[in-house]
């Protein structure tokens, strides 16, 4: 009679009306937990179906989690996990005695009907765990939103909440793991077919430069590409050219997908980048645009060009010292809203690792940043082009051409990158090395030296080299390009052999 009254009182709490309470239990599936553990105890091969995505923390009942962890340890040691081998665990652990002792293991194994559904049980347990984590995360977001602090404004709270939400999504890796070679082979054939049907036969995103695309095969999805160089070599200019080429190409409908480009500029403002793009497209010096030294014709060209390129799918984020987690959150959001074909970061030494990551020195920080960028490329399945500074060692050598060892914190950058490219302009160094007449030197000797310098400078005038120092998917080498310093514009280099024949 008392039990009936108690059940009646509990049921009344679940009635939803204006004068009663509603109690909701956390998502759980105790039957699935018991069924999975029983299946493992009867046949340890059932563990193979869930071991790659399920862990002890995913069980609601702590006793079930400890049983699962004990089974895992025994199985990984090559031993058998059953009620007999686990009996000593229950005998020594008082907390497990509450569940029923060793007899509880026997009842779990005896209640199993089949082990075929072990993976379904595991997915149900993982699903309940994720739902519980969502509820807890929602409570944290609500509590933090009620807390007003200067250090944590609402916009930053939103970014942190998004980061936690996507981190939770990353734990659901049920679909990962090993795949048979036949499946991988089919995907490879599909990629080759897409490249065959695509103009130019590129397997990745076109940079807009024919020679560079021919050497790299385009920018491949999930690749981390490093573009490095000393100051004034044109790293940002080349990256801006590539970003606009990709965004403008997709916008013109030359690709089947309308995809965007995310440009994270940690050094220059969005306005400065827009000025560079205007300069490149109008052939008007960016210096003239900044100073306002424009003729009426120049101004008309600027207005016309802005109307032609304003719909390019290029999105610029000029947040200084952005963290890897914030960059990941904003890139995910952009892909969800507009699609995404390329991410550009200018430049990685100005980034910070995620708030949760701590490093003892700068080398470890850069390693965390490059690993984070590579993870973003794989997760979003897009190429990430990250700019990098070079060490001053280049300036101390007679041969100024950079090599992999010149990368700042080169170990982690070189290791994590799929492609490493260097921008090199010999013209820059020759301009700084113009001969000056020495006091003891005669005019003839000086003019001889100056003429040799002029010959060298004329040979490299307007030339830039993109040195590919590392490429996982293809050969290394050097691509010669043309560079216009006034408009910071790169273009394909046309040799005399490639010029059309002149009519006599």
Protein backbone atom coordinates (compact mmCIF):
# COMPACT_ATOMS: atom_id res chain seq x y z
CA UNK A 1 0.00 0.00 0.00
CA UNK A 2 2.85 2.34 0.91
CA UNK A 3 4.64 1.47 -2.38
CA UNK A 4 1.46 2.31 -4.34
CA UNK A 5 1.22 5.68 -2.61
CA UNK A 6 4.91 6.37 -3.37
CA UNK A 7 4.48 5.55 -7.06
CA UNK A 8 1.40 7.74 -7.14
CA UNK A 9 3.35 10.66 -5.67
CA UNK A 10 6.20 10.20 -8.17
CA UNK A 11 3.77 10.06 -11.08
CA UNK A 12 2.15 13.26 -9.93
CA UNK A 13 5.48 15.05 -10.26
CA UNK A 14 5.56 14.21 -13.97
CA UNK A 15 2.14 15.74 -14.69
CA UNK A 16 2.56 18.94 -16.69
CA UNK A 17 0.14 21.54 -15.44
CA UNK A 18 0.37 24.99 -13.94
CA UNK A 19 0.33 23.79 -10.33
CA UNK A 20 2.82 20.90 -10.42
CA UNK A 21 6.51 20.20 -10.94
CA UNK A 22 8.04 18.32 -13.86
CA UNK A 23 11.10 16.16 -13.20
CA UNK A 24 13.21 15.11 -16.16
CA UNK A 25 15.85 12.43 -15.80
CA UNK A 26 19.18 12.68 -17.55
CA UNK A 27 19.35 10.64 -20.77
CA UNK A 28 20.22 7.06 -19.88
CA UNK A 29 19.98 3.52 -21.18
CA UNK A 30 20.92 1.17 -18.37
CA UNK A 31 19.62 -1.81 -20.34
CA UNK A 32 22.04 -1.05 -23.18
CA UNK A 33 24.92 -0.76 -20.70
CA UNK A 34 24.02 -4.10 -19.14
CA UNK A 35 23.51 -5.73 -22.54
CA UNK A 36 26.88 -4.55 -23.85
CA UNK A 37 28.79 -5.63 -20.75
CA UNK A 38 27.08 -9.02 -20.82
CA UNK A 39 27.97 -9.45 -24.50
CA UNK A 40 31.63 -8.64 -23.80
CA UNK A 41 31.75 -11.06 -20.87
CA UNK A 42 30.27 -13.85 -23.01
CA UNK A 43 32.38 -13.12 -26.10
CA UNK A 44 35.36 -10.75 -25.85
CA UNK A 45 35.22 -10.14 -29.61
CA UNK A 46 32.22 -7.93 -28.93
CA UNK A 47 34.69 -5.42 -27.47
CA UNK A 48 36.27 -5.00 -30.91
CA UNK A 49 33.02 -3.47 -32.20
CA UNK A 50 32.97 -0.66 -29.61
CA UNK A 51 36.52 -0.33 -28.32
CA UNK A 52 37.52 2.41 -30.79
CA UNK A 53 34.76 4.87 -29.82
CA UNK A 54 33.53 3.91 -26.35
CA UNK A 55 35.26 4.51 -23.01
CA UNK A 56 34.44 4.09 -19.34
CA UNK A 57 33.31 7.71 -18.91
CA UNK A 58 30.47 7.19 -21.38
CA UNK A 59 28.60 4.88 -18.97
CA UNK A 60 26.09 6.49 -16.66
CA UNK A 61 26.49 3.86 -13.94
CA UNK A 62 30.01 4.22 -12.48
CA UNK A 63 30.10 0.49 -11.71
CA UNK A 64 29.43 -0.29 -15.39
CA UNK A 65 32.23 2.06 -16.40
CA UNK A 66 34.68 0.32 -14.12
CA UNK A 67 33.65 -3.10 -15.41
CA UNK A 68 34.13 -1.92 -19.00
CA UNK A 69 37.57 -0.47 -18.18
CA UNK A 70 38.62 -3.70 -16.47
CA UNK A 71 37.51 -5.72 -19.49
CA UNK A 72 39.47 -3.39 -21.75
CA UNK A 73 42.67 -3.82 -19.75
CA UNK A 74 42.45 -7.61 -19.72
CA UNK A 75 41.60 -7.86 -23.43
CA UNK A 76 44.43 -5.51 -24.45
CA UNK A 77 46.84 -7.70 -22.45
CA UNK A 78 45.68 -10.71 -24.43
CA UNK A 79 43.80 -12.20 -21.48
CA UNK A 80 40.18 -13.35 -21.25
CA UNK A 81 37.65 -11.08 -19.54
CA UNK A 82 34.81 -13.07 -17.93
CA UNK A 83 33.08 -13.29 -14.52
CA UNK A 84 35.81 -15.60 -13.22
CA UNK A 85 38.80 -13.41 -14.19
CA UNK A 86 37.02 -10.28 -12.92
CA UNK A 87 35.92 -11.83 -9.62
CA UNK A 88 39.00 -10.61 -7.79
CA UNK A 89 38.18 -7.05 -8.84
CA UNK A 90 34.81 -7.21 -7.13
CA UNK A 91 36.25 -8.86 -4.05
CA UNK A 92 38.75 -6.02 -3.54
CA UNK A 93 36.60 -3.03 -4.49
CA UNK A 94 33.95 -2.05 -1.94
CA UNK A 95 32.23 0.30 -4.38
CA UNK A 96 31.55 -2.60 -6.76
CA UNK A 97 30.14 -4.67 -3.92
CA UNK A 98 27.17 -2.30 -3.87
CA UNK A 99 26.26 -3.38 -7.43
CA UNK A 100 25.92 -6.98 -6.25
CA UNK A 101 29.44 -8.27 -6.14
CA UNK A 102 30.77 -11.01 -8.38
CA UNK A 103 27.25 -12.40 -8.66
CA UNK A 104 26.32 -9.31 -10.67
CA UNK A 105 28.87 -10.28 -13.35
CA UNK A 106 27.29 -13.73 -13.60
CA UNK A 107 23.83 -12.22 -13.98
CA UNK A 108 25.08 -9.86 -16.73
CA UNK A 109 26.57 -12.74 -18.71
CA UNK A 110 23.54 -14.99 -18.16
CA UNK A 111 21.04 -12.37 -19.34
CA UNK A 112 22.65 -11.96 -22.80
CA UNK A 113 20.54 -13.20 -25.69
CA UNK A 114 22.92 -12.29 -28.55
CA UNK A 115 26.21 -10.48 -29.06
CA UNK A 116 25.37 -9.37 -32.59
CA UNK A 117 23.93 -6.04 -31.43
CA UNK A 118 26.97 -5.04 -29.38
CA UNK A 119 27.81 -2.09 -31.64
CA UNK A 120 24.20 -0.86 -31.47
CA UNK A 121 24.37 -0.99 -27.66
CA UNK A 122 27.63 0.98 -27.79
CA UNK A 123 26.15 3.68 -30.03
CA UNK A 124 23.12 4.00 -27.75
CA UNK A 125 25.41 4.45 -24.72
CA UNK A 126 27.51 7.04 -26.56
CA UNK A 127 24.39 8.90 -27.69
CA UNK A 128 23.08 9.17 -24.12
CA UNK A 129 26.49 10.40 -22.96
CA UNK A 130 26.56 13.14 -25.61
CA UNK A 131 23.05 14.22 -24.64
CA UNK A 132 24.07 14.48 -20.99
CA UNK A 133 27.11 16.53 -21.99
CA UNK A 134 24.88 18.81 -24.07
CA UNK A 135 22.63 19.39 -21.10
CA UNK A 136 25.60 20.22 -18.87
CA UNK A 137 27.05 22.51 -21.53
CA UNK A 138 23.72 24.28 -21.86
CA UNK A 139 23.62 24.89 -18.12
CA UNK A 140 27.14 26.30 -18.21
CA UNK A 141 26.24 28.65 -21.06
CA UNK A 142 23.16 29.89 -19.19
CA UNK A 143 25.08 30.43 -15.93
CA UNK A 144 27.94 32.24 -17.68
CA UNK A 145 25.46 34.44 -19.56
CA UNK A 146 23.96 35.55 -16.24
CA UNK A 147 27.45 36.47 -15.02
CA UNK A 148 28.48 39.97 -16.12
CA UNK A 149 32.27 40.38 -16.23
CA UNK A 150 34.42 42.85 -18.12
CA UNK A 151 36.98 40.13 -18.87
CA UNK A 152 34.39 37.92 -20.59
CA UNK A 153 32.03 39.93 -22.83
CA UNK A 154 29.03 38.32 -24.50
CA UNK A 155 30.75 37.94 -27.88
CA UNK A 156 33.62 36.01 -26.33
CA UNK A 157 31.14 33.85 -24.40
CA UNK A 158 29.51 32.93 -27.69
CA UNK A 159 32.88 31.93 -29.19
CA UNK A 160 33.74 29.84 -26.12
CA UNK A 161 30.33 28.15 -26.23
CA UNK A 162 30.77 27.35 -29.92
CA UNK A 163 34.24 26.00 -29.25
CA UNK A 164 32.95 23.72 -26.47
CA UNK A 165 30.06 22.57 -28.64
CA UNK A 166 32.29 21.64 -31.56
CA UNK A 167 34.81 20.01 -29.23
CA UNK A 168 31.96 17.84 -28.00
CA UNK A 169 31.06 17.02 -31.59
CA UNK A 170 34.66 15.94 -32.24
CA UNK A 171 34.36 13.25 -29.55
CA UNK A 172 31.73 11.47 -31.64
CA UNK A 173 34.19 9.61 -33.84
CA UNK A 174 32.17 6.43 -34.35
CA UNK A 175 32.64 6.58 -38.13
CA UNK A 176 36.44 6.76 -37.90
CA UNK A 177 38.94 3.94 -37.82
CA UNK A 178 40.45 1.59 -40.35
CA UNK A 179 38.93 1.09 -43.79
CA UNK A 180 39.64 -1.61 -46.32
CA UNK A 181 41.93 -0.87 -49.26
CA UNK A 182 39.12 -1.31 -51.79
CA UNK A 183 37.20 1.63 -50.30
CA UNK A 184 40.28 3.84 -50.35
CA UNK A 185 40.97 2.76 -53.94
CA UNK A 186 37.46 3.75 -55.03
CA UNK A 187 37.87 7.20 -53.47
CA UNK A 188 41.22 7.60 -55.25
CA UNK A 189 39.62 6.76 -58.62
CA UNK A 190 36.84 9.27 -57.94
CA UNK A 191 39.42 11.98 -57.23
CA UNK A 192 41.30 11.13 -60.43
CA UNK A 193 38.05 11.24 -62.40
CA UNK A 194 37.19 14.65 -60.99
CA UNK A 195 40.67 15.93 -61.87
CA UNK A 196 40.36 14.49 -65.38
CA UNK A 197 37.05 16.26 -65.97
CA UNK A 198 38.24 19.53 -64.45
CA UNK A 199 39.88 22.15 -66.64
CA UNK A 200 43.64 21.81 -66.43
CA UNK A 201 43.43 18.41 -64.76
CA UNK A 202 44.00 19.82 -61.28
CA UNK A 203 43.29 17.62 -58.29
CA UNK A 204 42.94 20.61 -55.96
CA UNK A 205 41.91 24.25 -55.82
CA UNK A 206 43.51 26.37 -58.53
CA UNK A 207 45.76 29.21 -57.33
CA UNK A 208 45.07 31.18 -60.50
CA UNK A 209 48.73 30.85 -61.62
CA UNK A 210 49.32 28.27 -64.33
CA UNK A 211 52.95 27.44 -63.59
CA UNK A 212 52.36 27.14 -59.86
CA UNK A 213 49.30 24.94 -60.41
CA UNK A 214 51.29 22.77 -62.81
CA UNK A 215 53.97 22.21 -60.16
CA UNK A 216 51.60 21.60 -57.25
CA UNK A 217 48.55 20.18 -58.99
CA UNK A 218 46.49 22.82 -57.19
CA UNK A 219 45.95 23.20 -53.46
CA UNK A 220 44.74 19.83 -52.19
CA UNK A 221 41.94 19.57 -49.60
CA UNK A 222 43.12 18.79 -46.04
CA UNK A 223 46.66 20.03 -46.85
CA UNK A 224 48.61 22.53 -44.78
CA UNK A 225 50.70 24.74 -47.09
CA UNK A 226 53.37 27.05 -45.70
CA UNK A 227 54.37 30.17 -47.67
CA UNK A 228 57.50 31.64 -46.12
CA UNK A 229 59.84 34.50 -46.85
CA UNK A 230 61.77 37.41 -45.41
CA UNK A 231 60.05 40.81 -45.04
CA UNK A 232 59.40 42.67 -48.33
CA UNK A 233 59.60 39.48 -50.40
CA UNK A 234 55.88 39.59 -51.21
CA UNK A 235 54.37 36.84 -49.02
CA UNK A 236 51.20 38.75 -48.22
CA UNK A 237 50.91 40.00 -51.81
CA UNK A 238 51.10 36.48 -53.23
CA UNK A 239 48.67 35.12 -50.63
CA UNK A 240 46.24 37.96 -51.37
CA UNK A 241 46.52 37.29 -55.10
CA UNK A 242 45.79 33.60 -54.59
CA UNK A 243 42.88 34.24 -52.22
CA UNK A 244 41.23 36.69 -54.61
CA UNK A 245 41.83 34.45 -57.62
CA UNK A 246 40.05 31.57 -55.87
CA UNK A 247 37.18 33.72 -54.57
CA UNK A 248 36.67 35.52 -57.88
CA UNK A 249 36.84 32.31 -59.91
CA UNK A 250 34.11 30.63 -57.90
CA UNK A 251 32.04 33.80 -58.02
CA UNK A 252 32.17 33.92 -61.82
CA UNK A 253 30.64 30.49 -62.00
CA UNK A 254 33.64 28.76 -63.60
CA UNK A 255 33.42 26.15 -60.85
CA UNK A 256 30.46 23.95 -60.08
CA UNK A 257 30.42 25.02 -56.43
CA UNK A 258 30.03 28.51 -55.02
CA UNK A 259 32.69 28.42 -52.34
CA UNK A 260 34.27 31.14 -50.25
CA UNK A 261 37.76 32.01 -49.04
CA UNK A 262 38.53 32.86 -45.41
CA UNK A 263 41.47 35.26 -45.02
CA UNK A 264 42.70 35.68 -41.44
CA UNK A 265 44.96 38.74 -41.46
CA UNK A 266 46.77 39.18 -38.16
CA UNK A 267 49.14 41.86 -39.47
CA UNK A 268 47.18 44.04 -41.91
CA UNK A 269 43.69 45.47 -41.56
CA UNK A 270 40.81 44.49 -43.83
CA UNK A 271 40.92 47.95 -45.43
CA UNK A 272 44.61 47.59 -46.30
CA UNK A 273 44.00 44.21 -47.92
CA UNK A 274 41.05 45.63 -49.89
CA UNK A 275 43.30 48.48 -51.07
CA UNK A 276 45.86 45.97 -52.31
CA UNK A 277 43.21 44.04 -54.22
CA UNK A 278 41.94 47.26 -55.80
CA UNK A 279 45.49 48.18 -56.79
CA UNK A 280 46.07 44.75 -58.36
CA UNK A 281 42.87 44.93 -60.40
CA UNK A 282 43.24 48.54 -61.59
CA UNK A 283 47.04 48.72 -62.04
CA UNK A 284 46.99 51.87 -59.92
CA UNK A 285 49.75 52.09 -57.33
CA UNK A 286 48.51 51.27 -53.84
CA UNK A 287 50.63 54.20 -52.62
CA UNK A 288 48.61 56.58 -54.82
CA UNK A 289 45.35 55.10 -53.55
CA UNK A 290 46.37 55.54 -49.92
CA UNK A 291 47.51 59.14 -50.44
CA UNK A 292 44.58 60.07 -52.66
CA UNK A 293 46.85 61.09 -55.54
CA UNK A 294 44.31 60.09 -58.16
CA UNK A 295 43.16 61.62 -61.39
CA UNK A 296 39.48 61.61 -62.29
CA UNK A 297 40.20 58.73 -64.68
CA UNK A 298 41.91 56.75 -61.91
CA UNK A 299 38.99 57.32 -59.57
CA UNK A 300 36.53 56.10 -62.19
CA UNK A 301 38.63 52.97 -62.66
CA UNK A 302 38.55 52.37 -58.90
CA UNK A 303 34.77 52.73 -58.75
CA UNK A 304 34.26 50.46 -61.74
CA UNK A 305 36.66 47.84 -60.38
CA UNK A 306 35.02 47.87 -56.96
CA UNK A 307 31.65 47.19 -58.58
CA UNK A 308 33.09 44.27 -60.51
CA UNK A 309 34.82 42.58 -57.57
CA UNK A 310 32.53 43.44 -54.64
CA UNK A 311 30.68 40.13 -54.93
CA UNK A 312 33.83 37.99 -54.70
CA UNK A 313 33.38 35.38 -52.00
CA UNK A 314 36.33 36.61 -49.94
CA UNK A 315 35.84 37.03 -46.20
CA UNK A 316 38.50 38.86 -44.16
CA UNK A 317 39.05 38.57 -40.41
CA UNK A 318 41.66 41.02 -39.09
CA UNK A 319 41.48 40.02 -35.43
CA UNK A 320 45.02 40.38 -33.98
CA UNK A 321 46.62 37.49 -32.08
CA UNK A 322 43.72 35.15 -32.88
CA UNK A 323 43.77 31.73 -31.22
CA UNK A 324 43.59 28.43 -33.06
CA UNK A 325 40.25 27.56 -31.43
CA UNK A 326 38.69 30.89 -32.43
CA UNK A 327 39.95 30.51 -36.00
CA UNK A 328 38.50 26.99 -36.11
CA UNK A 329 35.12 28.18 -34.82
CA UNK A 330 34.85 31.01 -37.36
CA UNK A 331 35.99 28.81 -40.25
CA UNK A 332 33.38 26.20 -39.33
CA UNK A 333 30.70 28.87 -39.21
CA UNK A 334 31.71 30.22 -42.62
CA UNK A 335 31.70 26.75 -44.17
CA UNK A 336 28.25 26.11 -42.75
CA UNK A 337 26.87 29.39 -44.10
CA UNK A 338 28.69 29.91 -47.41
CA UNK A 339 30.81 26.85 -48.10
CA UNK A 340 34.60 27.03 -47.94
CA UNK A 341 37.35 26.34 -50.47
CA UNK A 342 40.48 27.87 -48.90
CA UNK A 343 41.75 29.28 -45.60
CA UNK A 344 44.63 31.80 -45.57
CA UNK A 345 46.47 32.79 -42.39
CA UNK A 346 48.83 35.80 -42.40
CA UNK A 347 50.90 34.85 -40.52
CA UNK A 348 51.25 31.91 -38.10
CA UNK A 349 53.90 33.43 -35.77
CA UNK A 350 51.33 36.07 -34.77
CA UNK A 351 48.79 33.43 -33.75
CA UNK A 352 48.28 32.05 -30.26
CA UNK A 353 47.50 28.45 -29.31
CA UNK A 354 44.11 27.61 -27.89
CA UNK A 355 43.33 28.88 -24.40
CA UNK A 356 43.34 25.33 -23.05
CA UNK A 357 46.84 24.66 -24.43
CA UNK A 358 49.85 25.73 -22.42
CA UNK A 359 53.42 25.81 -23.64
CA UNK A 360 56.70 26.34 -21.86
CA UNK A 361 58.39 28.08 -24.78
CA UNK A 362 57.74 29.61 -28.19
CA UNK A 363 58.84 26.50 -30.10
CA UNK A 364 56.13 24.45 -28.36
CA UNK A 365 53.58 27.18 -29.04
CA UNK A 366 54.34 27.20 -32.76
CA UNK A 367 54.16 23.41 -32.77
CA UNK A 368 50.66 23.58 -31.21
CA UNK A 369 49.63 26.20 -33.78
CA UNK A 370 50.82 24.21 -36.81
CA UNK A 371 49.24 21.03 -35.45
CA UNK A 372 46.01 22.94 -34.90
CA UNK A 373 46.03 24.36 -38.44
CA UNK A 374 46.67 20.89 -39.89
CA UNK A 375 43.77 19.53 -37.83
CA UNK A 376 41.50 22.30 -39.16
CA UNK A 377 42.51 21.46 -42.75
CA UNK A 378 41.64 17.79 -42.23
CA UNK A 379 38.43 18.45 -40.32
CA UNK A 380 37.00 20.97 -42.81
CA UNK A 381 38.56 19.17 -45.81
CA UNK A 382 39.99 22.39 -47.26
CA UNK A 383 43.57 23.54 -47.93
CA UNK A 384 45.05 25.91 -45.35
CA UNK A 385 47.68 28.36 -46.63
CA UNK A 386 49.66 29.75 -43.70
CA UNK A 387 52.34 32.42 -44.09
CA UNK A 388 55.52 32.23 -42.05
CA UNK A 389 58.52 34.40 -41.32
CA UNK A 390 62.08 33.28 -41.93
CA UNK A 391 64.97 33.66 -39.52
CA UNK A 392 67.65 36.33 -39.97
CA UNK A 393 70.14 33.64 -40.96
CA UNK A 394 69.20 34.32 -44.59
CA UNK A 395 70.65 37.83 -44.40
CA UNK A 396 74.00 36.56 -43.15
CA UNK A 397 74.65 34.34 -46.18
CA UNK A 398 76.00 35.33 -49.55
CA UNK A 399 73.37 33.16 -51.22
CA UNK A 400 70.09 34.64 -50.02
CA UNK A 401 67.86 31.88 -51.35
CA UNK A 402 65.97 30.38 -48.39
CA UNK A 403 66.01 26.72 -47.38
CA UNK A 404 63.89 24.68 -44.97
CA UNK A 405 66.30 25.27 -42.10
CA UNK A 406 65.60 29.02 -42.33
CA UNK A 407 62.04 28.60 -41.05
CA UNK A 408 61.53 30.03 -37.60
CA UNK A 409 60.86 27.13 -35.23
CA UNK A 410 61.46 25.06 -38.37
CA UNK A 411 61.13 21.63 -36.77
CA UNK A 412 57.39 21.71 -36.15
CA UNK A 413 56.52 23.75 -39.25
CA UNK A 414 58.46 21.51 -41.62
CA UNK A 415 57.10 18.37 -39.98
CA UNK A 416 53.40 19.32 -40.00
CA UNK A 417 53.28 21.00 -43.42
CA UNK A 418 52.39 19.10 -46.57
CA UNK A 419 53.90 21.80 -48.79
CA UNK A 420 56.55 24.40 -47.92
CA UNK A 421 57.11 27.26 -50.36
CA UNK A 422 59.47 30.24 -50.23
CA UNK A 423 59.06 33.61 -51.94
CA UNK A 424 62.39 35.01 -53.12
CA UNK A 425 63.13 38.19 -55.09
CA UNK A 426 66.79 38.71 -55.89
CA UNK A 427 65.96 42.19 -57.18
CA UNK A 428 65.27 43.30 -53.61
CA UNK A 429 68.78 42.37 -52.45
CA UNK A 430 70.45 43.80 -55.56
CA UNK A 431 68.73 47.16 -55.01
CA UNK A 432 70.26 47.29 -51.55
CA UNK A 433 73.70 46.34 -52.94
CA UNK A 434 74.07 49.11 -55.53
CA UNK A 435 77.81 49.86 -55.86
CA UNK A 436 79.15 53.06 -54.33
CA UNK A 437 82.37 54.61 -55.65
CA UNK A 438 85.25 54.08 -53.25
CA UNK A 439 87.65 56.96 -52.47
CA UNK A 440 90.67 55.12 -53.92
CA UNK A 441 88.77 53.84 -56.94
CA UNK A 442 88.93 55.44 -60.36
CA UNK A 443 85.90 56.33 -62.44
CA UNK A 444 86.55 53.60 -65.00
CA UNK A 445 86.73 50.86 -62.38
CA UNK A 446 83.61 52.15 -60.65
CA UNK A 447 81.60 52.32 -63.89
CA UNK A 448 82.71 48.81 -64.73
CA UNK A 449 81.40 47.50 -61.42
CA UNK A 450 78.20 49.52 -61.73
CA UNK A 451 77.55 48.25 -65.26
CA UNK A 452 77.89 44.65 -64.06
CA UNK A 453 75.45 45.40 -61.26
CA UNK A 454 73.01 46.95 -63.74
CA UNK A 455 73.24 43.89 -65.98
CA UNK A 456 72.41 41.61 -63.07
CA UNK A 457 69.55 43.83 -61.92
CA UNK A 458 68.04 44.03 -65.41
CA UNK A 459 68.06 40.24 -65.64
CA UNK A 460 66.04 39.85 -62.43
CA UNK A 461 63.89 42.98 -62.73
CA UNK A 462 60.25 42.13 -62.11
CA UNK A 463 61.07 38.49 -61.41
CA UNK A 464 60.08 36.52 -58.33
CA UNK A 465 60.78 32.90 -57.52
CA UNK A 466 58.47 30.56 -55.62
CA UNK A 467 60.78 27.84 -54.33
CA UNK A 468 58.97 24.63 -53.40
CA UNK A 469 61.18 23.14 -50.71
CA UNK A 470 58.85 20.34 -49.67
CA UNK A 471 55.86 18.63 -51.26
CA UNK A 472 54.36 15.36 -50.09
CA UNK A 473 52.38 14.81 -53.29
CA UNK A 474 54.93 15.77 -55.89
CA UNK A 475 58.38 17.08 -56.77
CA UNK A 476 60.18 20.10 -55.43
CA UNK A 477 61.41 22.84 -57.71
CA UNK A 478 61.26 26.55 -58.54
CA UNK A 479 58.49 28.48 -60.28
CA UNK A 480 59.42 31.83 -61.84
CA UNK A 481 56.76 34.53 -61.66
CA UNK A 482 56.42 38.18 -62.55
CA UNK A 483 56.02 40.73 -59.73
CA UNK A 484 54.92 44.34 -60.03
CA UNK A 485 56.05 46.14 -56.90
CA UNK A 486 53.88 49.23 -57.42
CA UNK A 487 50.65 47.25 -57.44
CA UNK A 488 51.97 44.23 -55.44
CA UNK A 489 50.68 41.99 -58.20
CA UNK A 490 52.00 38.56 -59.13
CA UNK A 491 51.38 37.00 -62.54
CA UNK A 492 52.63 34.13 -64.68
CA UNK A 493 56.10 34.78 -66.07
CA UNK A 494 56.17 34.76 -69.88
CA UNK A 495 59.54 33.93 -71.40
CA UNK A 496 60.57 34.93 -74.89
CA UNK A 497 59.98 31.36 -76.10
CA UNK A 498 56.33 31.59 -74.99
CA UNK A 499 55.69 34.97 -76.68
CA UNK A 500 53.74 34.87 -79.95
CA UNK A 501 55.68 35.26 -83.16
CA UNK A 502 56.03 38.83 -84.34
CA UNK A 503 55.03 39.63 -87.89
CA UNK A 504 57.76 41.17 -89.99
